[in-house]
Amino acid sequence: MPAKPCRTALPPRSPSRALSGLAMAAVLGLSACAKTPVPSVPAQPGKSISEAHEAVRQCAPVAPKGGKNAVTGSYVAGVLLGGLIIGPVIVASNEDHIRANGARRAVDKCLEAQGYTRREMTPEEAAFLNALYGYQRQIFLDHLVAGGTLEGFKQEYDVQYRRFIFSEILRGV
């Protein structure tokens, strides 16, 4: 009787191993994709910077709890997606970033309940704001909170400045 060819017994491939690798890639991808926050103001038409500042002050107490909840949720998700060792290690390496994003989201939700939206400033607006001081800075922030833009502010400020100069001329300068 002819001998059967010898076959090595391979263990059956576990689908959980492939899913674990895929989950790990997802966890790494999500932790790397979190964007760095840009300067922003709470915006609501008809509101001023002092009203927006008061709204942020009222919402500030929810920030620590929002940060803590985000970290806790990330650890749970990390264990589920990345396993008992690797998932928490990844979360631990990004804990400060996760906590800050959770706190920011909690404050944003509180502000949204008051009718505000987060208005991210453009790099040009941020540079312009950083070049201002005192009352000019407050006027520009009032303009942004009310929903204005840098271009609109420059046009409005130029018109107001011209009116001021013209009124000074009429006074007898």
N, C-alpha and C. Protein backbone atom coordinates (compact mmCIF):
# COMPACT_ATOMS: atom_id res chain seq x y z
N MET A 1 0.85 -1.15 0.00
CA MET A 1 0.00 0.00 0.00
C MET A 1 0.90 1.23 0.00
N PRO A 2 0.61 2.20 -0.87
CA PRO A 2 1.47 3.37 -0.97
C PRO A 2 1.29 4.27 0.26
N ALA A 3 2.39 4.86 0.64
CA ALA A 3 2.36 5.75 1.82
C ALA A 3 1.73 7.08 1.45
N LYS A 4 0.97 7.59 2.37
CA LYS A 4 0.35 8.90 2.14
C LYS A 4 1.40 9.98 2.39
N PRO A 5 1.33 11.04 1.61
CA PRO A 5 2.28 12.11 1.86
C PRO A 5 2.06 12.71 3.25
N CYS A 6 3.14 13.05 3.86
CA CYS A 6 3.09 13.59 5.22
C CYS A 6 2.67 15.05 5.17
N ARG A 7 1.68 15.41 5.90
CA ARG A 7 1.23 16.81 6.00
C ARG A 7 1.45 17.29 7.43
N THR A 8 1.94 18.48 7.51
CA THR A 8 2.09 19.04 8.84
C THR A 8 0.77 19.63 9.28
N ALA A 9 0.49 19.46 10.49
CA ALA A 9 -0.77 19.98 11.01
C ALA A 9 -0.58 21.45 11.38
N LEU A 10 -1.27 22.31 10.67
CA LEU A 10 -1.24 23.73 10.97
C LEU A 10 -2.41 24.07 11.87
N PRO A 11 -2.16 24.88 12.85
CA PRO A 11 -3.29 25.27 13.69
C PRO A 11 -4.26 26.12 12.87
N PRO A 12 -5.54 25.97 13.12
CA PRO A 12 -6.48 26.78 12.37
C PRO A 12 -6.26 28.26 12.67
N ARG A 13 -6.36 29.03 11.63
CA ARG A 13 -6.13 30.46 11.77
C ARG A 13 -7.29 31.10 12.52
N SER A 14 -6.99 31.82 13.53
CA SER A 14 -8.02 32.42 14.38
C SER A 14 -8.44 33.77 13.81
N PRO A 15 -9.73 33.96 13.55
CA PRO A 15 -10.17 35.26 13.06
C PRO A 15 -9.99 36.35 14.10
N SER A 16 -9.96 35.97 15.36
CA SER A 16 -9.79 36.98 16.40
C SER A 16 -8.41 37.62 16.34
N ARG A 17 -7.41 36.87 15.89
CA ARG A 17 -6.06 37.42 15.76
C ARG A 17 -6.02 38.49 14.67
N ALA A 18 -6.67 38.23 13.56
CA ALA A 18 -6.72 39.22 12.48
C ALA A 18 -7.50 40.45 12.92
N LEU A 19 -8.61 40.22 13.63
CA LEU A 19 -9.40 41.33 14.12
C LEU A 19 -8.64 42.13 15.16
N SER A 20 -7.85 41.44 15.99
CA SER A 20 -7.06 42.13 17.00
C SER A 20 -6.04 43.06 16.34
N GLY A 21 -5.39 42.58 15.29
CA GLY A 21 -4.44 43.43 14.57
C GLY A 21 -5.12 44.62 13.92
N LEU A 22 -6.30 44.39 13.37
CA LEU A 22 -7.06 45.46 12.76
C LEU A 22 -7.51 46.48 13.81
N ALA A 23 -7.95 45.98 14.94
CA ALA A 23 -8.36 46.86 16.03
C ALA A 23 -7.19 47.69 16.53
N MET A 24 -6.03 47.05 16.62
CA MET A 24 -4.84 47.77 17.08
C MET A 24 -4.49 48.90 16.12
N ALA A 25 -4.58 48.61 14.83
CA ALA A 25 -4.30 49.65 13.84
C ALA A 25 -5.30 50.79 13.97
N ALA A 26 -6.56 50.46 14.26
CA ALA A 26 -7.58 51.49 14.43
C ALA A 26 -7.29 52.36 15.65
N VAL A 27 -6.89 51.74 16.76
CA VAL A 27 -6.58 52.50 17.97
C VAL A 27 -5.39 53.42 17.73
N LEU A 28 -4.36 52.90 17.09
CA LEU A 28 -3.20 53.74 16.79
C LEU A 28 -3.58 54.87 15.85
N GLY A 29 -4.39 54.57 14.86
CA GLY A 29 -4.80 55.59 13.92
C GLY A 29 -5.62 56.69 14.58
N LEU A 30 -6.54 56.30 15.45
CA LEU A 30 -7.37 57.29 16.12
C LEU A 30 -6.56 58.16 17.07
N SER A 31 -5.61 57.57 17.75
CA SER A 31 -4.82 58.37 18.68
C SER A 31 -3.89 59.33 17.94
N ALA A 32 -3.51 59.00 16.73
CA ALA A 32 -2.62 59.88 15.98
C ALA A 32 -3.37 60.96 15.22
N CYS A 33 -4.68 60.79 15.03
CA CYS A 33 -5.45 61.71 14.21
C CYS A 33 -6.02 62.89 14.97
N ALA A 34 -5.95 62.91 16.26
CA ALA A 34 -6.54 64.01 17.02
C ALA A 34 -5.83 65.30 16.66
N LYS A 35 -6.61 66.29 16.24
CA LYS A 35 -5.99 67.52 15.77
C LYS A 35 -5.68 68.46 16.92
N THR A 36 -4.68 69.25 16.72
CA THR A 36 -4.29 70.24 17.70
C THR A 36 -5.28 71.39 17.64
N PRO A 37 -5.78 71.83 18.78
CA PRO A 37 -6.77 72.91 18.75
C PRO A 37 -6.18 74.22 18.24
N VAL A 38 -6.99 74.95 17.52
CA VAL A 38 -6.59 76.26 17.02
C VAL A 38 -7.29 77.31 17.88
N PRO A 39 -6.80 78.54 17.89
CA PRO A 39 -7.47 79.59 18.67
C PRO A 39 -8.92 79.74 18.20
N SER A 40 -9.80 79.94 19.15
CA SER A 40 -11.22 80.06 18.80
C SER A 40 -11.91 80.99 19.80
N VAL A 41 -13.10 81.42 19.41
CA VAL A 41 -13.94 82.23 20.28
C VAL A 41 -15.35 81.65 20.24
N PRO A 42 -16.10 81.77 21.34
CA PRO A 42 -17.50 81.38 21.28
C PRO A 42 -18.27 82.46 20.51
N ALA A 43 -19.02 82.05 19.52
CA ALA A 43 -19.70 83.03 18.66
C ALA A 43 -21.21 82.90 18.80
N GLN A 44 -21.86 84.05 18.87
CA GLN A 44 -23.31 84.12 18.86
C GLN A 44 -23.67 85.54 18.41
N PRO A 45 -24.46 85.66 17.35
CA PRO A 45 -24.83 87.00 16.89
C PRO A 45 -25.49 87.82 18.00
N GLY A 46 -25.08 89.07 18.09
CA GLY A 46 -25.65 89.97 19.08
C GLY A 46 -24.98 89.92 20.44
N LYS A 47 -24.00 89.07 20.63
CA LYS A 47 -23.32 88.96 21.92
C LYS A 47 -21.97 89.68 21.85
N SER A 48 -21.47 90.07 23.03
CA SER A 48 -20.17 90.73 23.12
C SER A 48 -19.16 89.78 23.74
N ILE A 49 -17.92 90.21 23.75
CA ILE A 49 -16.86 89.39 24.33
C ILE A 49 -17.07 89.24 25.83
N SER A 50 -17.59 90.25 26.50
CA SER A 50 -17.82 90.12 27.94
C SER A 50 -18.93 89.11 28.23
N GLU A 51 -19.97 89.07 27.41
CA GLU A 51 -21.03 88.07 27.59
C GLU A 51 -20.50 86.67 27.30
N ALA A 52 -19.67 86.55 26.26
CA ALA A 52 -19.08 85.25 25.93
C ALA A 52 -18.13 84.80 27.05
N HIS A 53 -17.37 85.74 27.60
CA HIS A 53 -16.45 85.42 28.69
C HIS A 53 -17.23 84.90 29.90
N GLU A 54 -18.35 85.52 30.20
CA GLU A 54 -19.18 85.08 31.32
C GLU A 54 -19.75 83.69 31.06
N ALA A 55 -20.15 83.42 29.82
CA ALA A 55 -20.67 82.09 29.48
C ALA A 55 -19.59 81.03 29.65
N VAL A 56 -18.37 81.34 29.22
CA VAL A 56 -17.26 80.39 29.38
C VAL A 56 -16.97 80.18 30.87
N ARG A 57 -17.02 81.25 31.66
CA ARG A 57 -16.80 81.13 33.10
C ARG A 57 -17.85 80.23 33.74
N GLN A 58 -19.09 80.33 33.30
CA GLN A 58 -20.15 79.48 33.84
C GLN A 58 -19.98 78.02 33.42
N CYS A 59 -19.41 77.79 32.24
CA CYS A 59 -19.24 76.43 31.73
C CYS A 59 -17.94 75.77 32.18
N ALA A 60 -17.02 76.54 32.71
CA ALA A 60 -15.71 76.00 33.09
C ALA A 60 -15.78 74.85 34.09
N PRO A 61 -16.71 74.83 35.04
CA PRO A 61 -16.73 73.71 35.99
C PRO A 61 -17.00 72.34 35.37
N VAL A 62 -17.56 72.27 34.17
CA VAL A 62 -17.83 70.96 33.56
C VAL A 62 -16.59 70.38 32.89
N ALA A 63 -15.55 71.18 32.72
CA ALA A 63 -14.35 70.74 32.00
C ALA A 63 -13.64 69.57 32.67
N PRO A 64 -13.35 69.61 33.96
CA PRO A 64 -12.63 68.47 34.57
C PRO A 64 -13.39 67.15 34.45
N LYS A 65 -14.70 67.19 34.64
CA LYS A 65 -15.48 65.96 34.54
C LYS A 65 -15.49 65.44 33.10
N GLY A 66 -15.58 66.36 32.12
CA GLY A 66 -15.54 65.95 30.72
C GLY A 66 -14.21 65.31 30.36
N GLY A 67 -13.11 65.86 30.89
CA GLY A 67 -11.80 65.28 30.65
C GLY A 67 -11.65 63.91 31.27
N LYS A 68 -12.14 63.78 32.49
CA LYS A 68 -12.06 62.49 33.19
C LYS A 68 -12.89 61.43 32.46
N ASN A 69 -14.09 61.81 32.01
CA ASN A 69 -14.95 60.87 31.28
C ASN A 69 -14.30 60.43 29.97
N ALA A 70 -13.63 61.35 29.29
CA ALA A 70 -12.97 61.01 28.03
C ALA A 70 -11.84 60.01 28.26
N VAL A 71 -11.06 60.22 29.31
CA VAL A 71 -9.96 59.30 29.62
C VAL A 71 -10.50 57.93 30.00
N THR A 72 -11.53 57.90 30.85
CA THR A 72 -12.13 56.63 31.26
C THR A 72 -12.66 55.86 30.06
N GLY A 73 -13.39 56.56 29.20
CA GLY A 73 -13.92 55.92 27.98
C GLY A 73 -12.82 55.42 27.07
N SER A 74 -11.73 56.16 26.99
CA SER A 74 -10.62 55.74 26.14
C SER A 74 -9.95 54.49 26.69
N TYR A 75 -9.81 54.40 28.01
CA TYR A 75 -9.23 53.18 28.59
C TYR A 75 -10.11 51.96 28.33
N VAL A 76 -11.41 52.14 28.46
CA VAL A 76 -12.32 51.02 28.19
C VAL A 76 -12.22 50.62 26.73
N ALA A 77 -12.27 51.59 25.83
CA ALA A 77 -12.16 51.30 24.40
C ALA A 77 -10.79 50.70 24.08
N GLY A 78 -9.76 51.19 24.73
CA GLY A 78 -8.41 50.65 24.49
C GLY A 78 -8.32 49.19 24.86
N VAL A 79 -8.92 48.80 25.98
CA VAL A 79 -8.91 47.39 26.39
C VAL A 79 -9.71 46.56 25.40
N LEU A 80 -10.87 47.07 24.99
CA LEU A 80 -11.71 46.31 24.06
C LEU A 80 -11.07 46.17 22.68
N LEU A 81 -10.43 47.22 22.21
CA LEU A 81 -9.87 47.20 20.86
C LEU A 81 -8.42 46.72 20.81
N GLY A 82 -7.64 47.04 21.81
CA GLY A 82 -6.23 46.72 21.75
C GLY A 82 -5.75 45.65 22.70
N GLY A 83 -6.62 45.18 23.55
CA GLY A 83 -6.20 44.15 24.50
C GLY A 83 -5.87 44.73 25.85
N LEU A 84 -5.56 43.84 26.78
CA LEU A 84 -5.32 44.26 28.15
C LEU A 84 -4.01 44.99 28.36
N ILE A 85 -3.05 44.80 27.50
CA ILE A 85 -1.74 45.43 27.70
C ILE A 85 -1.54 46.59 26.74
N ILE A 86 -1.69 46.33 25.46
CA ILE A 86 -1.35 47.34 24.45
C ILE A 86 -2.35 48.50 24.45
N GLY A 87 -3.64 48.21 24.56
CA GLY A 87 -4.65 49.27 24.56
C GLY A 87 -4.42 50.32 25.63
N PRO A 88 -4.29 49.92 26.89
CA PRO A 88 -4.04 50.91 27.94
C PRO A 88 -2.70 51.64 27.79
N VAL A 89 -1.71 50.98 27.23
CA VAL A 89 -0.42 51.64 27.03
C VAL A 89 -0.57 52.79 26.03
N ILE A 90 -1.32 52.54 24.97
CA ILE A 90 -1.54 53.58 23.96
C ILE A 90 -2.33 54.74 24.57
N VAL A 91 -3.37 54.41 25.32
CA VAL A 91 -4.18 55.46 25.94
C VAL A 91 -3.33 56.25 26.94
N ALA A 92 -2.51 55.57 27.73
CA ALA A 92 -1.68 56.25 28.72
C ALA A 92 -0.71 57.22 28.06
N SER A 93 -0.20 56.85 26.89
CA SER A 93 0.75 57.74 26.22
C SER A 93 0.08 59.00 25.66
N ASN A 94 -1.24 58.96 25.50
CA ASN A 94 -1.99 60.11 24.97
C ASN A 94 -2.96 60.69 25.99
N GLU A 95 -2.82 60.34 27.26
CA GLU A 95 -3.81 60.70 28.26
C GLU A 95 -4.01 62.21 28.39
N ASP A 96 -2.94 62.97 28.39
CA ASP A 96 -3.08 64.43 28.54
C ASP A 96 -3.86 65.03 27.37
N HIS A 97 -3.57 64.56 26.18
CA HIS A 97 -4.26 65.05 24.99
C HIS A 97 -5.74 64.65 25.02
N ILE A 98 -6.01 63.42 25.41
CA ILE A 98 -7.39 62.93 25.50
C ILE A 98 -8.15 63.73 26.55
N ARG A 99 -7.53 63.99 27.69
CA ARG A 99 -8.17 64.75 28.78
C ARG A 99 -8.49 66.17 28.31
N ALA A 100 -7.55 66.82 27.63
CA ALA A 100 -7.77 68.19 27.16
C ALA A 100 -8.90 68.24 26.13
N ASN A 101 -8.92 67.28 25.21
CA ASN A 101 -10.00 67.26 24.21
C ASN A 101 -11.35 67.00 24.86
N GLY A 102 -11.40 66.11 25.85
CA GLY A 102 -12.65 65.84 26.55
C GLY A 102 -13.15 67.06 27.31
N ALA A 103 -12.24 67.78 27.94
CA ALA A 103 -12.62 68.99 28.66
C ALA A 103 -13.15 70.04 27.70
N ARG A 104 -12.47 70.19 26.56
CA ARG A 104 -12.89 71.17 25.56
C ARG A 104 -14.27 70.83 25.00
N ARG A 105 -14.51 69.53 24.73
CA ARG A 105 -15.82 69.11 24.21
C ARG A 105 -16.92 69.35 25.25
N ALA A 106 -16.61 69.13 26.53
CA ALA A 106 -17.61 69.36 27.58
C ALA A 106 -17.99 70.84 27.66
N VAL A 107 -17.01 71.71 27.59
CA VAL A 107 -17.29 73.15 27.62
C VAL A 107 -18.05 73.56 26.37
N ASP A 108 -17.69 73.01 25.22
CA ASP A 108 -18.40 73.32 23.97
C ASP A 108 -19.88 72.92 24.07
N LYS A 109 -20.15 71.75 24.65
CA LYS A 109 -21.54 71.31 24.81
C LYS A 109 -22.32 72.25 25.72
N CYS A 110 -21.68 72.70 26.79
CA CYS A 110 -22.32 73.64 27.70
C CYS A 110 -22.60 74.98 27.00
N LEU A 111 -21.64 75.44 26.22
CA LEU A 111 -21.82 76.70 25.49
C LEU A 111 -22.90 76.56 24.41
N GLU A 112 -22.96 75.40 23.76
CA GLU A 112 -24.00 75.17 22.76
C GLU A 112 -25.38 75.24 23.39
N ALA A 113 -25.51 74.77 24.62
CA ALA A 113 -26.79 74.86 25.33
C ALA A 113 -27.19 76.31 25.57
N GLN A 114 -26.21 77.21 25.60
CA GLN A 114 -26.49 78.64 25.77
C GLN A 114 -26.60 79.37 24.43
N GLY A 115 -26.47 78.64 23.33
CA GLY A 115 -26.63 79.24 22.01
C GLY A 115 -25.34 79.63 21.31
N TYR A 116 -24.21 79.32 21.90
CA TYR A 116 -22.92 79.67 21.29
C TYR A 116 -22.41 78.52 20.41
N THR A 117 -21.58 78.88 19.45
CA THR A 117 -20.86 77.88 18.66
C THR A 117 -19.38 78.21 18.74
N ARG A 118 -18.54 77.20 18.52
CA ARG A 118 -17.09 77.43 18.51
C ARG A 118 -16.72 77.99 17.15
N ARG A 119 -16.14 79.17 17.14
CA ARG A 119 -15.68 79.79 15.90
C ARG A 119 -14.17 79.76 15.90
N GLU A 120 -13.62 78.87 15.07
CA GLU A 120 -12.16 78.77 15.00
C GLU A 120 -11.62 79.93 14.18
N MET A 121 -10.58 80.53 14.71
CA MET A 121 -9.97 81.67 14.04
C MET A 121 -9.01 81.19 12.96
N THR A 122 -8.93 81.96 11.89
CA THR A 122 -7.96 81.67 10.84
C THR A 122 -6.59 82.09 11.34
N PRO A 123 -5.52 81.59 10.73
CA PRO A 123 -4.18 82.04 11.14
C PRO A 123 -4.00 83.55 11.01
N GLU A 124 -4.62 84.14 10.00
CA GLU A 124 -4.51 85.60 9.81
C GLU A 124 -5.21 86.34 10.96
N GLU A 125 -6.40 85.83 11.35
CA GLU A 125 -7.12 86.46 12.46
C GLU A 125 -6.34 86.33 13.76
N ALA A 126 -5.75 85.18 14.00
CA ALA A 126 -4.97 84.98 15.23
C ALA A 126 -3.76 85.90 15.25
N ALA A 127 -3.08 86.05 14.12
CA ALA A 127 -1.93 86.94 14.04
C ALA A 127 -2.35 88.39 14.26
N PHE A 128 -3.47 88.78 13.65
CA PHE A 128 -3.98 90.14 13.80
C PHE A 128 -4.34 90.41 15.26
N LEU A 129 -5.00 89.45 15.91
CA LEU A 129 -5.39 89.60 17.31
C LEU A 129 -4.15 89.74 18.20
N ASN A 130 -3.13 88.95 17.93
CA ASN A 130 -1.91 89.00 18.74
C ASN A 130 -1.16 90.31 18.58
N ALA A 131 -1.39 91.01 17.47
CA ALA A 131 -0.73 92.29 17.24
C ALA A 131 -1.47 93.45 17.91
N LEU A 132 -2.70 93.21 18.36
CA LEU A 132 -3.51 94.26 18.98
C LEU A 132 -3.28 94.28 20.49
N TYR A 133 -3.69 95.35 21.12
CA TYR A 133 -3.61 95.45 22.56
C TYR A 133 -4.77 96.31 23.06
N GLY A 134 -5.09 96.14 24.33
CA GLY A 134 -6.09 96.98 24.99
C GLY A 134 -7.45 96.98 24.34
N TYR A 135 -7.96 98.19 24.17
CA TYR A 135 -9.31 98.39 23.67
C TYR A 135 -9.47 97.87 22.24
N GLN A 136 -8.42 98.02 21.41
CA GLN A 136 -8.51 97.52 20.03
C GLN A 136 -8.72 96.01 20.02
N ARG A 137 -8.06 95.34 20.91
CA ARG A 137 -8.20 93.88 21.02
C ARG A 137 -9.64 93.51 21.41
N GLN A 138 -10.20 94.23 22.36
CA GLN A 138 -11.57 93.96 22.80
C GLN A 138 -12.56 94.22 21.67
N ILE A 139 -12.36 95.28 20.91
CA ILE A 139 -13.26 95.58 19.79
C ILE A 139 -13.20 94.46 18.76
N PHE A 140 -12.00 93.98 18.46
CA PHE A 140 -11.86 92.90 17.47
C PHE A 140 -12.51 91.62 17.98
N LEU A 141 -12.30 91.30 19.26
CA LEU A 141 -12.94 90.10 19.83
C LEU A 141 -14.46 90.23 19.84
N ASP A 142 -14.98 91.41 20.14
CA ASP A 142 -16.43 91.64 20.06
C ASP A 142 -16.93 91.35 18.65
N HIS A 143 -16.17 91.80 17.67
CA HIS A 143 -16.53 91.60 16.26
C HIS A 143 -16.55 90.11 15.92
N LEU A 144 -15.55 89.36 16.40
CA LEU A 144 -15.50 87.92 16.11
C LEU A 144 -16.62 87.17 16.83
N VAL A 145 -16.89 87.51 18.08
CA VAL A 145 -17.95 86.85 18.85
C VAL A 145 -19.30 87.06 18.16
N ALA A 146 -19.51 88.23 17.61
CA ALA A 146 -20.77 88.54 16.93
C ALA A 146 -20.87 87.86 15.56
N GLY A 147 -19.79 87.19 15.13
CA GLY A 147 -19.83 86.47 13.86
C GLY A 147 -19.10 87.14 12.72
N GLY A 148 -18.35 88.19 13.01
CA GLY A 148 -17.63 88.91 11.97
C GLY A 148 -16.35 88.23 11.52
N THR A 149 -15.76 88.79 10.49
CA THR A 149 -14.50 88.28 9.94
C THR A 149 -13.44 89.36 9.99
N LEU A 150 -12.21 88.98 9.72
CA LEU A 150 -11.11 89.94 9.70
C LEU A 150 -11.32 90.98 8.61
N GLU A 151 -11.73 90.54 7.43
CA GLU A 151 -11.95 91.48 6.33
C GLU A 151 -13.05 92.48 6.68
N GLY A 152 -14.13 91.98 7.26
CA GLY A 152 -15.22 92.87 7.66
C GLY A 152 -14.77 93.85 8.73
N PHE A 153 -13.95 93.39 9.66
CA PHE A 153 -13.45 94.26 10.71
C PHE A 153 -12.56 95.35 10.12
N LYS A 154 -11.68 94.97 9.21
CA LYS A 154 -10.79 95.97 8.61
C LYS A 154 -11.59 97.02 7.85
N GLN A 155 -12.63 96.60 7.14
CA GLN A 155 -13.46 97.57 6.41
C GLN A 155 -14.21 98.47 7.38
N GLU A 156 -14.81 97.88 8.41
CA GLU A 156 -15.58 98.65 9.38
C GLU A 156 -14.67 99.58 10.16
N TYR A 157 -13.51 99.09 10.59
CA TYR A 157 -12.59 99.91 11.37
C TYR A 157 -12.06 101.06 10.54
N ASP A 158 -11.77 100.81 9.26
CA ASP A 158 -11.28 101.85 8.38
C ASP A 158 -12.33 102.94 8.21
N VAL A 159 -13.59 102.56 8.04
CA VAL A 159 -14.67 103.54 7.90
C VAL A 159 -14.82 104.33 9.19
N GLN A 160 -14.81 103.67 10.34
CA GLN A 160 -14.94 104.37 11.62
C GLN A 160 -13.76 105.30 11.85
N TYR A 161 -12.56 104.87 11.47
CA TYR A 161 -11.37 105.68 11.66
C TYR A 161 -11.46 106.95 10.79
N ARG A 162 -11.93 106.78 9.56
CA ARG A 162 -12.09 107.94 8.68
C ARG A 162 -13.13 108.90 9.23
N ARG A 163 -14.23 108.38 9.78
CA ARG A 163 -15.25 109.24 10.37
C ARG A 163 -14.67 110.01 11.54
N PHE A 164 -13.84 109.36 12.36
CA PHE A 164 -13.23 110.00 13.50
C PHE A 164 -12.32 111.14 13.04
N ILE A 165 -11.49 110.89 12.06
CA ILE A 165 -10.59 111.93 11.54
C ILE A 165 -11.39 113.09 10.97
N PHE A 166 -12.44 112.77 10.21
CA PHE A 166 -13.27 113.81 9.61
C PHE A 166 -13.95 114.65 10.69
N SER A 167 -14.44 114.00 11.74
CA SER A 167 -15.09 114.75 12.82
C SER A 167 -14.09 115.64 13.55
N GLU A 168 -12.86 115.20 13.69
CA GLU A 168 -11.81 116.03 14.30
C GLU A 168 -11.51 117.24 13.43
N ILE A 169 -11.53 117.05 12.13
CA ILE A 169 -11.27 118.17 11.20
C ILE A 169 -12.39 119.20 11.35
N LEU A 170 -13.63 118.69 11.43
CA LEU A 170 -14.78 119.61 11.54
C LEU A 170 -14.79 120.36 12.87
N ARG A 171 -14.21 119.78 13.93
CA ARG A 171 -14.16 120.45 15.22
C ARG A 171 -13.20 121.63 15.23
N GLY A 172 -12.37 121.74 14.26
CA GLY A 172 -11.49 122.88 14.21
C GLY A 172 -10.02 122.57 14.35
N VAL A 173 -9.66 121.35 14.03
CA VAL A 173 -8.23 121.00 14.10
C VAL A 173 -7.50 121.73 13.03
